[in-house]
Amino acid sequence: MSQLILPVIIIIPIVSSFILAFVKKTNVKLIRDIGLYTCLVVFFFSAILWVQFDSFVFKFQFLTKIILLNFLNVNFFIGVDGVSLLFIVLTTLIFPICILFSWNNINFFLKNTLYYFY
């Protein structure tokens, strides 16, 4: 499970963006709910990442290697060290806060604004 946390943190906002693409821009409540819940789920997974991180290991953790095109040797390889973990947690914490603070203030181009968050 710990190997899949980083790809899940990356994939959830992408899937949410595709879902937002099919929501009408007049349905403001659904757009806001999708944006907020997506950011909260991603923050939940980053909190799991924070809890499972071993600070006494001085190498990359949560390494994930996905082979995309084997015949061209194209791979997706991702991992986290201590500094990047802090940036991930801070970013995923700030996004829901920003959405909550702008909940009633952004009325125009709401879908575009949430696309920028992802």
N, C-alpha and C. Protein backbone atom coordinates (compact mmCIF):
# COMPACT_ATOMS: atom_id res chain seq x y z
N MET A 1 0.82 -1.20 0.00
CA MET A 1 0.00 0.00 0.00
C MET A 1 0.86 1.26 0.00
N SER A 2 1.98 1.22 0.74
CA SER A 2 2.79 2.43 0.84
C SER A 2 3.44 2.80 -0.48
N GLN A 3 3.60 1.83 -1.38
CA GLN A 3 4.17 2.15 -2.69
C GLN A 3 3.18 2.88 -3.57
N LEU A 4 1.90 2.78 -3.27
CA LEU A 4 0.89 3.39 -4.13
C LEU A 4 0.40 4.74 -3.64
N ILE A 5 0.92 5.23 -2.52
CA ILE A 5 0.42 6.49 -1.98
C ILE A 5 0.77 7.66 -2.89
N LEU A 6 2.01 7.73 -3.37
CA LEU A 6 2.39 8.85 -4.23
C LEU A 6 1.64 8.86 -5.56
N PRO A 7 1.51 7.73 -6.26
CA PRO A 7 0.70 7.78 -7.48
C PRO A 7 -0.77 8.15 -7.22
N VAL A 8 -1.31 7.74 -6.08
CA VAL A 8 -2.69 8.10 -5.75
C VAL A 8 -2.81 9.61 -5.53
N ILE A 9 -1.81 10.20 -4.86
CA ILE A 9 -1.81 11.65 -4.65
C ILE A 9 -1.74 12.39 -5.98
N ILE A 10 -1.10 11.81 -6.95
CA ILE A 10 -1.01 12.44 -8.28
C ILE A 10 -2.26 12.18 -9.10
N ILE A 11 -2.83 10.99 -9.02
CA ILE A 11 -3.95 10.61 -9.89
C ILE A 11 -5.27 11.22 -9.46
N ILE A 12 -5.51 11.36 -8.17
CA ILE A 12 -6.81 11.86 -7.69
C ILE A 12 -7.14 13.25 -8.25
N PRO A 13 -6.24 14.23 -8.24
CA PRO A 13 -6.60 15.52 -8.84
C PRO A 13 -6.83 15.45 -10.36
N ILE A 14 -6.12 14.56 -11.04
CA ILE A 14 -6.31 14.41 -12.48
C ILE A 14 -7.70 13.85 -12.77
N VAL A 15 -8.10 12.84 -12.02
CA VAL A 15 -9.44 12.26 -12.20
C VAL A 15 -10.51 13.28 -11.85
N SER A 16 -10.27 14.05 -10.80
CA SER A 16 -11.23 15.08 -10.41
C SER A 16 -11.35 16.16 -11.48
N SER A 17 -10.26 16.49 -12.14
CA SER A 17 -10.31 17.47 -13.24
C SER A 17 -11.17 16.97 -14.38
N PHE A 18 -11.05 15.68 -14.70
CA PHE A 18 -11.89 15.11 -15.74
C PHE A 18 -13.35 15.11 -15.34
N ILE A 19 -13.63 14.85 -14.08
CA ILE A 19 -15.02 14.90 -13.61
C ILE A 19 -15.55 16.33 -13.68
N LEU A 20 -14.73 17.29 -13.29
CA LEU A 20 -15.15 18.70 -13.36
C LEU A 20 -15.41 19.15 -14.78
N ALA A 21 -14.75 18.55 -15.73
CA ALA A 21 -14.94 18.95 -17.13
C ALA A 21 -16.36 18.66 -17.61
N PHE A 22 -17.02 17.69 -17.00
CA PHE A 22 -18.36 17.32 -17.43
C PHE A 22 -19.48 17.92 -16.58
N VAL A 23 -19.11 18.74 -15.60
CA VAL A 23 -20.10 19.40 -14.76
C VAL A 23 -20.41 20.77 -15.37
N LYS A 24 -21.68 21.09 -15.44
CA LYS A 24 -22.05 22.40 -16.00
C LYS A 24 -21.60 23.51 -15.06
N LYS A 25 -21.16 24.62 -15.66
CA LYS A 25 -20.63 25.70 -14.83
C LYS A 25 -21.70 26.43 -14.05
N THR A 26 -22.96 26.16 -14.32
CA THR A 26 -24.04 26.76 -13.53
C THR A 26 -24.27 26.01 -12.22
N ASN A 27 -23.76 24.79 -12.11
CA ASN A 27 -23.91 23.99 -10.90
C ASN A 27 -22.75 24.30 -9.94
N VAL A 28 -22.82 25.47 -9.33
CA VAL A 28 -21.72 26.00 -8.52
C VAL A 28 -21.49 25.15 -7.28
N LYS A 29 -22.53 24.71 -6.62
CA LYS A 29 -22.37 23.93 -5.38
C LYS A 29 -21.64 22.62 -5.65
N LEU A 30 -21.99 21.94 -6.73
CA LEU A 30 -21.31 20.68 -7.05
C LEU A 30 -19.85 20.92 -7.40
N ILE A 31 -19.56 21.98 -8.11
CA ILE A 31 -18.18 22.29 -8.46
C ILE A 31 -17.35 22.56 -7.21
N ARG A 32 -17.91 23.34 -6.29
CA ARG A 32 -17.20 23.63 -5.04
C ARG A 32 -17.01 22.38 -4.20
N ASP A 33 -18.04 21.55 -4.14
CA ASP A 33 -17.94 20.32 -3.35
C ASP A 33 -16.88 19.38 -3.92
N ILE A 34 -16.87 19.22 -5.23
CA ILE A 34 -15.87 18.35 -5.85
C ILE A 34 -14.47 18.88 -5.56
N GLY A 35 -14.28 20.18 -5.70
CA GLY A 35 -12.96 20.76 -5.44
C GLY A 35 -12.52 20.58 -4.00
N LEU A 36 -13.42 20.86 -3.06
CA LEU A 36 -13.05 20.75 -1.65
C LEU A 36 -12.80 19.30 -1.25
N TYR A 37 -13.69 18.40 -1.63
CA TYR A 37 -13.52 17.00 -1.23
C TYR A 37 -12.29 16.38 -1.87
N THR A 38 -11.99 16.77 -3.09
CA THR A 38 -10.77 16.26 -3.73
C THR A 38 -9.54 16.70 -2.95
N CYS A 39 -9.49 17.98 -2.59
CA CYS A 39 -8.34 18.47 -1.84
C CYS A 39 -8.25 17.83 -0.46
N LEU A 40 -9.38 17.57 0.17
CA LEU A 40 -9.35 16.93 1.48
C LEU A 40 -8.88 15.48 1.39
N VAL A 41 -9.29 14.78 0.35
CA VAL A 41 -8.84 13.39 0.17
C VAL A 41 -7.34 13.35 -0.10
N VAL A 42 -6.86 14.25 -0.93
CA VAL A 42 -5.43 14.30 -1.20
C VAL A 42 -4.66 14.66 0.06
N PHE A 43 -5.19 15.58 0.87
CA PHE A 43 -4.54 15.90 2.15
C PHE A 43 -4.54 14.69 3.08
N PHE A 44 -5.60 13.92 3.08
CA PHE A 44 -5.65 12.71 3.90
C PHE A 44 -4.54 11.74 3.51
N PHE A 45 -4.34 11.55 2.20
CA PHE A 45 -3.28 10.65 1.76
C PHE A 45 -1.90 11.22 2.06
N SER A 46 -1.74 12.53 1.99
CA SER A 46 -0.44 13.10 2.35
C SER A 46 -0.19 13.00 3.86
N ALA A 47 -1.25 13.04 4.66
CA ALA A 47 -1.09 12.82 6.09
C ALA A 47 -0.66 11.39 6.38
N ILE A 48 -1.20 10.44 5.63
CA ILE A 48 -0.75 9.05 5.75
C ILE A 48 0.73 8.95 5.38
N LEU A 49 1.10 9.67 4.34
CA LEU A 49 2.50 9.70 3.92
C LEU A 49 3.38 10.24 5.04
N TRP A 50 2.93 11.29 5.70
CA TRP A 50 3.67 11.90 6.81
C TRP A 50 3.84 10.93 7.98
N VAL A 51 2.77 10.22 8.31
CA VAL A 51 2.80 9.30 9.45
C VAL A 51 3.70 8.10 9.16
N GLN A 52 3.68 7.60 7.94
CA GLN A 52 4.46 6.42 7.62
C GLN A 52 5.91 6.72 7.25
N PHE A 53 6.27 7.98 7.15
CA PHE A 53 7.63 8.35 6.79
C PHE A 53 8.59 8.06 7.94
N ASP A 54 9.71 7.44 7.63
CA ASP A 54 10.72 7.12 8.64
C ASP A 54 11.83 8.15 8.53
N SER A 55 11.93 9.04 9.50
CA SER A 55 12.90 10.13 9.43
C SER A 55 14.33 9.69 9.71
N PHE A 56 14.52 8.46 10.14
CA PHE A 56 15.87 7.97 10.41
C PHE A 56 16.49 7.26 9.22
N VAL A 57 15.75 7.16 8.13
CA VAL A 57 16.28 6.57 6.90
C VAL A 57 16.67 7.72 5.98
N PHE A 58 17.94 7.78 5.61
CA PHE A 58 18.43 8.89 4.81
C PHE A 58 18.52 8.53 3.34
N LYS A 59 17.39 8.13 2.78
CA LYS A 59 17.30 7.87 1.35
C LYS A 59 15.84 8.07 0.95
N PHE A 60 15.58 7.97 -0.33
CA PHE A 60 14.21 8.14 -0.81
C PHE A 60 13.32 7.02 -0.28
N GLN A 61 12.08 7.39 0.06
CA GLN A 61 11.12 6.42 0.55
C GLN A 61 9.88 6.46 -0.33
N PHE A 62 9.02 5.49 -0.17
CA PHE A 62 7.79 5.35 -0.96
C PHE A 62 8.11 5.32 -2.45
N LEU A 63 9.14 4.59 -2.80
CA LEU A 63 9.56 4.52 -4.19
C LEU A 63 8.55 3.73 -5.01
N THR A 64 8.22 4.26 -6.16
CA THR A 64 7.29 3.61 -7.05
C THR A 64 7.90 3.62 -8.45
N LYS A 65 7.95 2.48 -9.07
CA LYS A 65 8.44 2.39 -10.44
C LYS A 65 7.37 1.70 -11.28
N ILE A 66 6.92 2.42 -12.29
CA ILE A 66 5.91 1.89 -13.20
C ILE A 66 6.52 1.88 -14.60
N ILE A 67 6.56 0.74 -15.22
CA ILE A 67 7.12 0.62 -16.56
C ILE A 67 6.03 1.01 -17.56
N LEU A 68 6.26 2.08 -18.33
CA LEU A 68 5.27 2.55 -19.28
C LEU A 68 5.47 1.92 -20.65
N LEU A 69 6.63 2.09 -21.22
CA LEU A 69 6.96 1.49 -22.52
C LEU A 69 8.26 0.72 -22.35
N ASN A 70 8.13 -0.57 -22.23
CA ASN A 70 9.29 -1.40 -21.94
C ASN A 70 10.28 -1.42 -23.10
N PHE A 71 9.79 -1.44 -24.33
CA PHE A 71 10.69 -1.55 -25.48
C PHE A 71 11.46 -0.25 -25.72
N LEU A 72 10.99 0.88 -25.20
CA LEU A 72 11.72 2.15 -25.30
C LEU A 72 12.41 2.53 -23.99
N ASN A 73 12.27 1.68 -22.98
CA ASN A 73 12.82 1.92 -21.65
C ASN A 73 12.30 3.22 -21.05
N VAL A 74 10.99 3.42 -21.14
CA VAL A 74 10.33 4.59 -20.57
C VAL A 74 9.65 4.15 -19.28
N ASN A 75 10.09 4.74 -18.16
CA ASN A 75 9.59 4.36 -16.85
C ASN A 75 9.12 5.59 -16.09
N PHE A 76 8.18 5.38 -15.19
CA PHE A 76 7.72 6.40 -14.25
C PHE A 76 8.27 6.02 -12.90
N PHE A 77 9.20 6.83 -12.39
CA PHE A 77 9.89 6.51 -11.14
C PHE A 77 9.75 7.69 -10.21
N ILE A 78 9.20 7.48 -9.03
CA ILE A 78 8.93 8.58 -8.10
C ILE A 78 9.22 8.13 -6.67
N GLY A 79 9.69 9.07 -5.87
CA GLY A 79 9.98 8.81 -4.47
C GLY A 79 9.97 10.11 -3.69
N VAL A 80 10.09 10.02 -2.37
CA VAL A 80 10.00 11.19 -1.50
C VAL A 80 11.17 11.16 -0.52
N ASP A 81 11.78 12.34 -0.33
CA ASP A 81 12.72 12.50 0.75
C ASP A 81 12.12 13.45 1.79
N GLY A 82 12.87 13.82 2.81
CA GLY A 82 12.32 14.61 3.91
C GLY A 82 11.85 15.99 3.51
N VAL A 83 12.61 16.68 2.66
CA VAL A 83 12.24 18.04 2.26
C VAL A 83 11.02 18.03 1.36
N SER A 84 11.00 17.13 0.40
CA SER A 84 9.85 17.08 -0.51
C SER A 84 8.58 16.63 0.21
N LEU A 85 8.73 15.83 1.26
CA LEU A 85 7.56 15.45 2.06
C LEU A 85 6.93 16.67 2.72
N LEU A 86 7.76 17.57 3.23
CA LEU A 86 7.23 18.80 3.83
C LEU A 86 6.47 19.64 2.80
N PHE A 87 7.02 19.74 1.60
CA PHE A 87 6.35 20.50 0.55
C PHE A 87 5.02 19.87 0.14
N ILE A 88 4.99 18.55 0.08
CA ILE A 88 3.75 17.85 -0.28
C ILE A 88 2.68 18.11 0.77
N VAL A 89 3.03 17.95 2.03
CA VAL A 89 2.05 18.13 3.11
C VAL A 89 1.59 19.59 3.18
N LEU A 90 2.50 20.53 3.06
CA LEU A 90 2.11 21.94 3.11
C LEU A 90 1.21 22.32 1.94
N THR A 91 1.54 21.83 0.76
CA THR A 91 0.72 22.14 -0.41
C THR A 91 -0.68 21.56 -0.28
N THR A 92 -0.76 20.30 0.15
CA THR A 92 -2.08 19.69 0.28
C THR A 92 -2.86 20.24 1.45
N LEU A 93 -2.20 20.88 2.41
CA LEU A 93 -2.89 21.56 3.50
C LEU A 93 -3.41 22.93 3.06
N ILE A 94 -2.64 23.64 2.27
CA ILE A 94 -3.01 24.99 1.86
C ILE A 94 -4.18 24.98 0.87
N PHE A 95 -4.26 23.99 -0.02
CA PHE A 95 -5.31 23.98 -1.04
C PHE A 95 -6.72 23.97 -0.45
N PRO A 96 -7.06 23.08 0.50
CA PRO A 96 -8.42 23.15 1.07
C PRO A 96 -8.68 24.44 1.83
N ILE A 97 -7.65 24.97 2.48
CA ILE A 97 -7.82 26.24 3.19
C ILE A 97 -8.15 27.35 2.20
N CYS A 98 -7.44 27.39 1.08
CA CYS A 98 -7.71 28.42 0.07
C CYS A 98 -9.11 28.26 -0.52
N ILE A 99 -9.53 27.04 -0.75
CA ILE A 99 -10.88 26.83 -1.29
C ILE A 99 -11.93 27.27 -0.28
N LEU A 100 -11.71 26.96 0.99
CA LEU A 100 -12.68 27.38 2.01
C LEU A 100 -12.74 28.89 2.17
N PHE A 101 -11.60 29.56 2.12
CA PHE A 101 -11.60 31.02 2.26
C PHE A 101 -12.21 31.71 1.05
N SER A 102 -12.15 31.09 -0.10
CA SER A 102 -12.73 31.70 -1.30
C SER A 102 -14.11 31.11 -1.62
N TRP A 103 -14.72 30.43 -0.68
CA TRP A 103 -15.98 29.71 -0.92
C TRP A 103 -17.08 30.61 -1.48
N ASN A 104 -17.29 31.77 -0.90
CA ASN A 104 -18.35 32.67 -1.35
C ASN A 104 -17.83 33.83 -2.19
N ASN A 105 -16.54 33.96 -2.34
CA ASN A 105 -15.98 35.11 -3.03
C ASN A 105 -15.83 34.90 -4.54
N ILE A 106 -15.59 33.68 -4.97
CA ILE A 106 -15.41 33.41 -6.39
C ILE A 106 -16.73 32.93 -6.96
N ASN A 107 -17.31 33.73 -7.83
CA ASN A 107 -18.58 33.38 -8.45
C ASN A 107 -18.45 33.19 -9.96
N PHE A 108 -17.46 33.82 -10.55
CA PHE A 108 -17.25 33.71 -11.98
C PHE A 108 -15.99 32.89 -12.23
N PHE A 109 -16.02 32.10 -13.26
CA PHE A 109 -14.88 31.26 -13.65
C PHE A 109 -14.46 30.31 -12.53
N LEU A 110 -15.44 29.75 -11.85
CA LEU A 110 -15.15 28.87 -10.72
C LEU A 110 -14.45 27.60 -11.16
N LYS A 111 -14.91 27.00 -12.27
CA LYS A 111 -14.26 25.78 -12.76
C LYS A 111 -12.81 26.05 -13.14
N ASN A 112 -12.57 27.18 -13.78
CA ASN A 112 -11.20 27.51 -14.16
C ASN A 112 -10.32 27.71 -12.94
N THR A 113 -10.86 28.33 -11.91
CA THR A 113 -10.10 28.54 -10.69
C THR A 113 -9.73 27.22 -10.04
N LEU A 114 -10.66 26.26 -10.00
CA LEU A 114 -10.35 24.97 -9.39
C LEU A 114 -9.40 24.16 -10.25
N TYR A 115 -9.42 24.36 -11.57
CA TYR A 115 -8.42 23.70 -12.41
C TYR A 115 -7.02 24.16 -12.03
N TYR A 116 -6.88 25.44 -11.65
CA TYR A 116 -5.57 25.94 -11.26
C TYR A 116 -5.09 25.29 -9.97
N PHE A 117 -6.00 24.89 -9.10
CA PHE A 117 -5.60 24.21 -7.88
C PHE A 117 -5.03 22.83 -8.17
N TYR A 118 -5.50 22.21 -9.23
CA TYR A 118 -5.02 20.86 -9.54
C TYR A 118 -3.80 20.95 -10.40
